PDB file of N, CA and C in Angstrom:
ATOM      1  N   MET A   1       1.138  -1.303  -0.005  1.00  0.00           N
ATOM      2  CA  MET A   1      -0.103  -0.184  -0.164  1.00  0.00           C
ATOM      3  C   MET A   1       1.051   1.100   0.050  1.00  0.00           C
ATOM      4  N   PRO A   2       0.457   2.040  -0.970  1.00  0.00           N
ATOM      5  CA  PRO A   2       1.653   3.568  -1.109  1.00  0.00           C
ATOM      6  C   PRO A   2       1.305   4.147   0.063  1.00  0.00           C
ATOM      7  N   PHE A   3       2.407   4.857   0.601  1.00  0.00           N
ATOM      8  CA  PHE A   3       2.260   5.984   1.945  1.00  0.00           C
ATOM      9  C   PHE A   3       1.111   7.013   1.676  1.00  0.00           C
ATOM     10  N   GLU A   4       0.842   7.323   0.090  1.00  0.00           N
ATOM     11  CA  GLU A   4       0.091   8.548   0.163  1.00  0.00           C
ATOM     12  C   GLU A   4      -1.787   7.927   0.406  1.00  0.00           C
ATOM     13  N   SER A   5      -2.026   6.700   0.211  1.00  0.00           N
ATOM     14  CA  SER A   5      -3.357   6.516   0.489  1.00  0.00           C
ATOM     15  C   SER A   5      -3.210   6.248   2.133  1.00  0.00           C
ATOM     16  N   LEU A   6      -2.168   5.517   2.930  1.00  0.00           N
ATOM     17  CA  LEU A   6      -2.255   5.692   4.338  1.00  0.00           C
ATOM     18  C   LEU A   6      -2.396   6.920   4.890  1.00  0.00           C
ATOM     19  N   SER A   7      -1.798   7.834   4.389  1.00  0.00           N
ATOM     20  CA  SER A   7      -1.714   9.200   4.900  1.00  0.00           C
ATOM     21  C   SER A   7      -3.206   9.722   4.883  1.00  0.00           C
ATOM     22  N   LEU A   8      -3.933   9.253   3.920  1.00  0.00           N
ATOM     23  CA  LEU A   8      -5.278   9.907   3.707  1.00  0.00           C
ATOM     24  C   LEU A   8      -6.227   8.747   4.354  1.00  0.00           C
ATOM     25  N   TRP A   9      -6.015   7.586   4.956  1.00  0.00           N
ATOM     26  CA  TRP A   9      -6.729   7.255   5.669  1.00  0.00           C
ATOM     27  C   TRP A   9      -6.508   7.319   7.301  1.00  0.00           C
ATOM     28  N   LEU A  10      -5.564   7.474   7.715  1.00  0.00           N
ATOM     29  CA  LEU A  10      -4.990   7.533   9.149  1.00  0.00           C
ATOM     30  C   LEU A  10      -5.832   8.726   9.881  1.00  0.00           C
ATOM     31  N   PRO A  11      -5.867   9.919   9.559  1.00  0.00           N
ATOM     32  CA  PRO A  11      -7.158  10.628  10.429  1.00  0.00           C
ATOM     33  C   PRO A  11      -8.148  10.323   9.968  1.00  0.00           C
ATOM     34  N   TYR A  12      -8.736   9.804   9.370  1.00  0.00           N
ATOM     35  CA  TYR A  12     -10.019   9.231   9.534  1.00  0.00           C
ATOM     36  C   TYR A  12     -10.433   7.818  10.472  1.00  0.00           C
ATOM     37  N   LEU A  13      -9.374   7.234  10.375  1.00  0.00           N
ATOM     38  CA  LEU A  13      -9.463   6.129  11.527  1.00  0.00           C
ATOM     39  C   LEU A  13      -9.206   6.442  12.788  1.00  0.00           C
ATOM     40  N   ARG A  14      -8.402   7.518  12.821  1.00  0.00           N
ATOM     41  CA  ARG A  14      -8.067   8.154  14.037  1.00  0.00           C
ATOM     42  C   ARG A  14      -9.170   8.757  14.794  1.00  0.00           C
ATOM     43  N   ALA A  15     -10.127   9.465  14.084  1.00  0.00           N
ATOM     44  CA  ALA A  15     -11.649  10.282  14.264  1.00  0.00           C
ATOM     45  C   ALA A  15     -12.399   9.170  14.802  1.00  0.00           C
ATOM     46  N   ARG A  16     -12.510   8.034  13.799  1.00  0.00           N
ATOM     47  CA  ARG A  16     -13.399   7.081  14.218  1.00  0.00           C
ATOM     48  C   ARG A  16     -13.149   6.154  15.436  1.00  0.00           C
ATOM     49  N   VAL A  17     -11.751   6.119  15.799  1.00  0.00           N
ATOM     50  CA  VAL A  17     -11.611   4.970  16.997  1.00  0.00           C
ATOM     51  C   VAL A  17     -11.478   6.121  18.354  1.00  0.00           C
ATOM     52  N   SER A  18     -11.286   7.443  18.179  1.00  0.00           N
ATOM     53  CA  SER A  18     -11.050   8.536  19.416  1.00  0.00           C
ATOM     54  C   SER A  18     -12.495   8.423  20.129  1.00  0.00           C
ATOM     55  N   THR A  19     -12.105   8.554  21.572  1.00  0.00           N
ATOM     56  CA  THR A  19     -13.414   8.524  22.549  1.00  0.00           C
ATOM     57  C   THR A  19     -13.191   9.758  22.937  1.00  0.00           C
ATOM     58  N   ASP A  20     -12.323  10.818  22.721  1.00  0.00           N
ATOM     59  CA  ASP A  20     -12.059  12.206  23.401  1.00  0.00           C
ATOM     60  C   ASP A  20     -13.326  12.956  23.154  1.00  0.00           C
ATOM     61  N   GLU A  21     -13.950  13.244  24.009  1.00  0.00           N
ATOM     62  CA  GLU A  21     -15.090  14.256  24.176  1.00  0.00           C
ATOM     63  C   GLU A  21     -14.652  15.213  24.772  1.00  0.00           C
ATOM     64  N   ARG A  22     -14.275  16.486  24.159  1.00  0.00           N
ATOM     65  CA  ARG A  22     -13.775  17.633  25.050  1.00  0.00           C
ATOM     66  C   ARG A  22     -15.123  18.739  24.944  1.00  0.00           C
ATOM     67  N   GLY A  23     -15.740  18.530  23.862  1.00  0.00           N
ATOM     68  CA  GLY A  23     -16.947  19.928  23.951  1.00  0.00           C
ATOM     69  C   GLY A  23     -18.384  18.758  24.388  1.00  0.00           C
ATOM     70  N   ALA A  24     -19.212  20.149  24.992  1.00  0.00           N
ATOM     71  CA  ALA A  24     -20.296  19.880  25.402  1.00  0.00           C
ATOM     72  C   ALA A  24     -21.135  19.684  24.436  1.00  0.00           C
ATOM     73  N   SER A  25     -22.176  18.583  24.328  1.00  0.00           N
ATOM     74  CA  SER A  25     -22.964  18.050  23.300  1.00  0.00           C
ATOM     75  C   SER A  25     -24.290  19.109  23.602  1.00  0.00           C
ATOM     76  N   LEU A  26     -25.002  19.173  22.559  1.00  0.00           N
ATOM     77  CA  LEU A  26     -26.680  19.787  22.648  1.00  0.00           C
ATOM     78  C   LEU A  26     -27.321  19.328  23.345  1.00  0.00           C
ATOM     79  N   VAL A  27     -27.455  18.046  24.068  1.00  0.00           N
ATOM     80  CA  VAL A  27     -28.255  17.824  25.228  1.00  0.00           C
ATOM     81  C   VAL A  27     -27.913  18.261  26.485  1.00  0.00           C
ATOM     82  N   GLU A  28     -26.820  18.564  26.736  1.00  0.00           N
ATOM     83  CA  GLU A  28     -26.196  19.264  27.836  1.00  0.00           C
ATOM     84  C   GLU A  28     -26.536  20.289  27.574  1.00  0.00           C
ATOM     85  N   TYR A  29     -26.376  21.383  26.857  1.00  0.00           N
ATOM     86  CA  TYR A  29     -27.197  22.431  26.811  1.00  0.00           C
ATOM     87  C   TYR A  29     -28.586  22.459  26.836  1.00  0.00           C
ATOM     88  N   ALA A  30     -29.353  21.637  26.109  1.00  0.00           N
ATOM     89  CA  ALA A  30     -30.772  21.606  26.509  1.00  0.00           C
ATOM     90  C   ALA A  30     -31.126  21.609  27.966  1.00  0.00           C
ATOM     91  N   LEU A  31     -30.148  20.577  28.879  1.00  0.00           N
ATOM     92  CA  LEU A  31     -30.577  20.282  30.151  1.00  0.00           C
ATOM     93  C   LEU A  31     -30.319  21.714  30.950  1.00  0.00           C
ATOM     94  N   LEU A  32     -29.534  22.117  30.615  1.00  0.00           N
ATOM     95  CA  LEU A  32     -29.089  23.683  31.338  1.00  0.00           C
ATOM     96  C   LEU A  32     -30.116  24.476  31.317  1.00  0.00           C
ATOM     97  N   VAL A  33     -30.717  24.715  30.035  1.00  0.00           N
ATOM     98  CA  VAL A  33     -31.708  25.825  29.980  1.00  0.00           C
ATOM     99  C   VAL A  33     -32.856  25.390  30.406  1.00  0.00           C
ATOM    100  N   ALA A  34     -33.320  24.094  30.505  1.00  0.00           N
ATOM    101  CA  ALA A  34     -34.547  23.439  31.429  1.00  0.00           C
ATOM    102  C   ALA A  34     -34.321  23.821  32.565  1.00  0.00           C
ATOM    103  N   LEU A  35     -33.079  23.441  33.283  1.00  0.00           N
ATOM    104  CA  LEU A  35     -32.654  23.426  34.567  1.00  0.00           C
ATOM    105  C   LEU A  35     -33.031  25.201  34.974  1.00  0.00           C
ATOM    106  N   ILE A  36     -32.310  26.082  34.213  1.00  0.00           N
ATOM    107  CA  ILE A  36     -32.534  27.253  34.368  1.00  0.00           C
ATOM    108  C   ILE A  36     -34.048  27.818  34.136  1.00  0.00           C
ATOM    109  N   ALA A  37     -34.861  27.517  33.159  1.00  0.00           N
ATOM    110  CA  ALA A  37     -36.206  27.638  33.034  1.00  0.00           C
ATOM    111  C   ALA A  37     -36.937  27.441  34.496  1.00  0.00           C
ATOM    112  N   VAL A  38     -36.712  26.000  34.673  1.00  0.00           N
ATOM    113  CA  VAL A  38     -37.578  25.297  35.873  1.00  0.00           C
ATOM    114  C   VAL A  38     -37.217  26.276  37.299  1.00  0.00           C
ATOM    115  N   VAL A  39     -35.897  26.990  37.286  1.00  0.00           N
ATOM    116  CA  VAL A  39     -35.638  27.648  38.736  1.00  0.00           C
ATOM    117  C   VAL A  39     -36.457  29.265  38.527  1.00  0.00           C
ATOM    118  N   CYS A  40     -36.414  29.665  37.563  1.00  0.00           N
ATOM    119  CA  CYS A  40     -37.296  30.866  37.310  1.00  0.00           C
ATOM    120  C   CYS A  40     -38.752  30.594  37.300  1.00  0.00           C
ATOM    121  N   ILE A  41     -39.319  29.910  36.866  1.00  0.00           N
ATOM    122  CA  ILE A  41     -40.597  29.340  37.228  1.00  0.00           C
ATOM    123  C   ILE A  41     -40.828  29.409  38.645  1.00  0.00           C
ATOM    124  N   LEU A  42     -40.442  28.246  39.293  1.00  0.00           N
ATOM    125  CA  LEU A  42     -40.430  28.459  40.588  1.00  0.00           C
ATOM    126  C   LEU A  42     -40.014  29.726  41.382  1.00  0.00           C
ATOM    127  N   ALA A  43     -39.094  30.579  41.061  1.00  0.00           N
ATOM    128  CA  ALA A  43     -38.846  31.982  41.817  1.00  0.00           C
ATOM    129  C   ALA A  43     -39.913  32.705  41.581  1.00  0.00           C
ATOM    130  N   ILE A  44     -40.732  32.860  40.454  1.00  0.00           N
ATOM    131  CA  ILE A  44     -41.762  33.858  39.982  1.00  0.00           C
ATOM    132  C   ILE A  44     -42.816  33.032  40.600  1.00  0.00           C
ATOM    133  N   THR A  45     -43.512  32.038  40.858  1.00  0.00           N
ATOM    134  CA  THR A  45     -44.122  31.384  41.474  1.00  0.00           C
ATOM    135  C   THR A  45     -44.469  31.687  42.866  1.00  0.00           C
ATOM    136  N   PHE A  46     -43.013  31.552  43.769  1.00  0.00           N
ATOM    137  CA  PHE A  46     -42.903  31.911  45.040  1.00  0.00           C
ATOM    138  C   PHE A  46     -42.887  33.346  45.087  1.00  0.00           C
ATOM    139  N   LEU A  47     -42.271  34.021  44.610  1.00  0.00           N
ATOM    140  CA  LEU A  47     -42.114  35.543  44.720  1.00  0.00           C
ATOM    141  C   LEU A  47     -43.581  36.448  44.267  1.00  0.00           C
ATOM    142  N   GLY A  48     -43.875  35.664  43.507  1.00  0.00           N
ATOM    143  CA  GLY A  48     -44.968  36.418  42.645  1.00  0.00           C
ATOM    144  C   GLY A  48     -46.270  36.968  43.363  1.00  0.00           C
ATOM    145  N   SER A  49     -46.514  36.134  44.453  1.00  0.00           N
ATOM    146  CA  SER A  49     -47.504  36.670  45.538  1.00  0.00           C
ATOM    147  C   SER A  49     -46.893  37.812  46.266  1.00  0.00           C
ATOM    148  N   ALA A  50     -45.744  37.763  46.675  1.00  0.00           N
ATOM    149  CA  ALA A  50     -45.315  38.968  47.425  1.00  0.00           C
ATOM    150  C   ALA A  50     -45.197  40.331  46.809  1.00  0.00           C
ATOM    151  N   ALA A  51     -44.550  39.803  45.421  1.00  0.00           N
ATOM    152  CA  ALA A  51     -44.654  41.080  44.652  1.00  0.00           C
ATOM    153  C   ALA A  51     -46.163  41.733  44.207  1.00  0.00           C
ATOM    154  N   SER A  52     -47.043  40.724  44.241  1.00  0.00           N
ATOM    155  CA  SER A  52     -48.482  41.516  43.857  1.00  0.00           C
ATOM    156  C   SER A  52     -48.823  42.166  44.546  1.00  0.00           C
ATOM    157  N   SER A  53     -48.727  41.946  46.153  1.00  0.00           N
ATOM    158  CA  SER A  53     -49.432  42.738  47.127  1.00  0.00           C
ATOM    159  C   SER A  53     -48.331  43.661  47.573  1.00  0.00           C
ATOM    160  N   LYS A  54     -47.269  43.801  46.989  1.00  0.00           N
ATOM    161  CA  LYS A  54     -46.768  45.144  47.034  1.00  0.00           C
ATOM    162  C   LYS A  54     -46.966  46.262  45.843  1.00  0.00           C
ATOM    163  N   PHE A  55     -47.158  45.580  44.915  1.00  0.00           N
ATOM    164  CA  PHE A  55     -47.838  46.452  44.044  1.00  0.00           C
ATOM    165  C   PHE A  55     -49.106  46.847  44.101  1.00  0.00           C
ATOM    166  N   SER A  56     -49.798  46.084  44.755  1.00  0.00           N
ATOM    167  CA  SER A  56     -51.329  46.467  44.986  1.00  0.00           C
ATOM    168  C   SER A  56     -51.375  47.812  46.218  1.00  0.00           C
ATOM    169  N   THR A  57     -50.432  47.667  46.829  1.00  0.00           N
ATOM    170  CA  THR A  57     -50.620  48.702  48.404  1.00  0.00           C
ATOM    171  C   THR A  57     -49.814  50.177  47.604  1.00  0.00           C
ATOM    172  N   VAL A  58     -48.839  49.763  46.740  1.00  0.00           N
ATOM    173  CA  VAL A  58     -48.432  50.936  45.873  1.00  0.00           C
ATOM    174  C   VAL A  58     -49.299  51.473  44.814  1.00  0.00           C
ATOM    175  N   GLY A  59     -50.142  50.722  44.396  1.00  0.00           N
ATOM    176  CA  GLY A  59     -51.167  51.085  43.696  1.00  0.00           C
ATOM    177  C   GLY A  59     -52.363  51.886  44.498  1.00  0.00           C
ATOM    178  N   SER A  60     -52.267  51.591  45.215  1.00  0.00           N
ATOM    179  CA  SER A  60     -53.813  52.217  46.236  1.00  0.00           C
ATOM    180  C   SER A  60     -53.586  53.430  46.930  1.00  0.00           C
ATOM    181  N   GLY A  61     -52.236  53.168  47.264  1.00  0.00           N
ATOM    182  CA  GLY A  61     -51.650  54.352  47.719  1.00  0.00           C
ATOM    183  C   GLY A  61     -51.072  55.855  47.122  1.00  0.00           C
ATOM    184  N   VAL A  62     -51.113  55.396  45.777  1.00  0.00           N
ATOM    185  CA  VAL A  62     -50.931  56.602  44.668  1.00  0.00           C
ATOM    186  C   VAL A  62     -52.275  56.786  44.642  1.00  0.00           C
ATOM    187  N   ALA A  63     -53.467  55.839  44.089  1.00  0.00           N
ATOM    188  CA  ALA A  63     -54.621  56.350  44.240  1.00  0.00           C
ATOM    189  C   ALA A  63     -55.378  57.429  45.197  1.00  0.00           C
ATOM    190  N   ASN A  64     -55.223  57.131  46.344  1.00  0.00           N
ATOM    191  CA  ASN A  64     -55.540  57.808  47.325  1.00  0.00           C
ATOM    192  C   ASN A  64     -54.916  59.216  47.477  1.00  0.00           C
TER     193      ASN A  64
END
């Protein structure tokens, strides 16, 4: 086998056999976005009633 054909196949074989995964995959990014969304929804749910009462108090104070 000539060296030229070996030099063409060697990078392909190295990429196919390699198990080096350095970057984050799309699934990992999707999980991070989903976790951030859940945390934001929970924060709005728990703090929403307190914020609503504060806005009502300020609104009634301005109206008077």
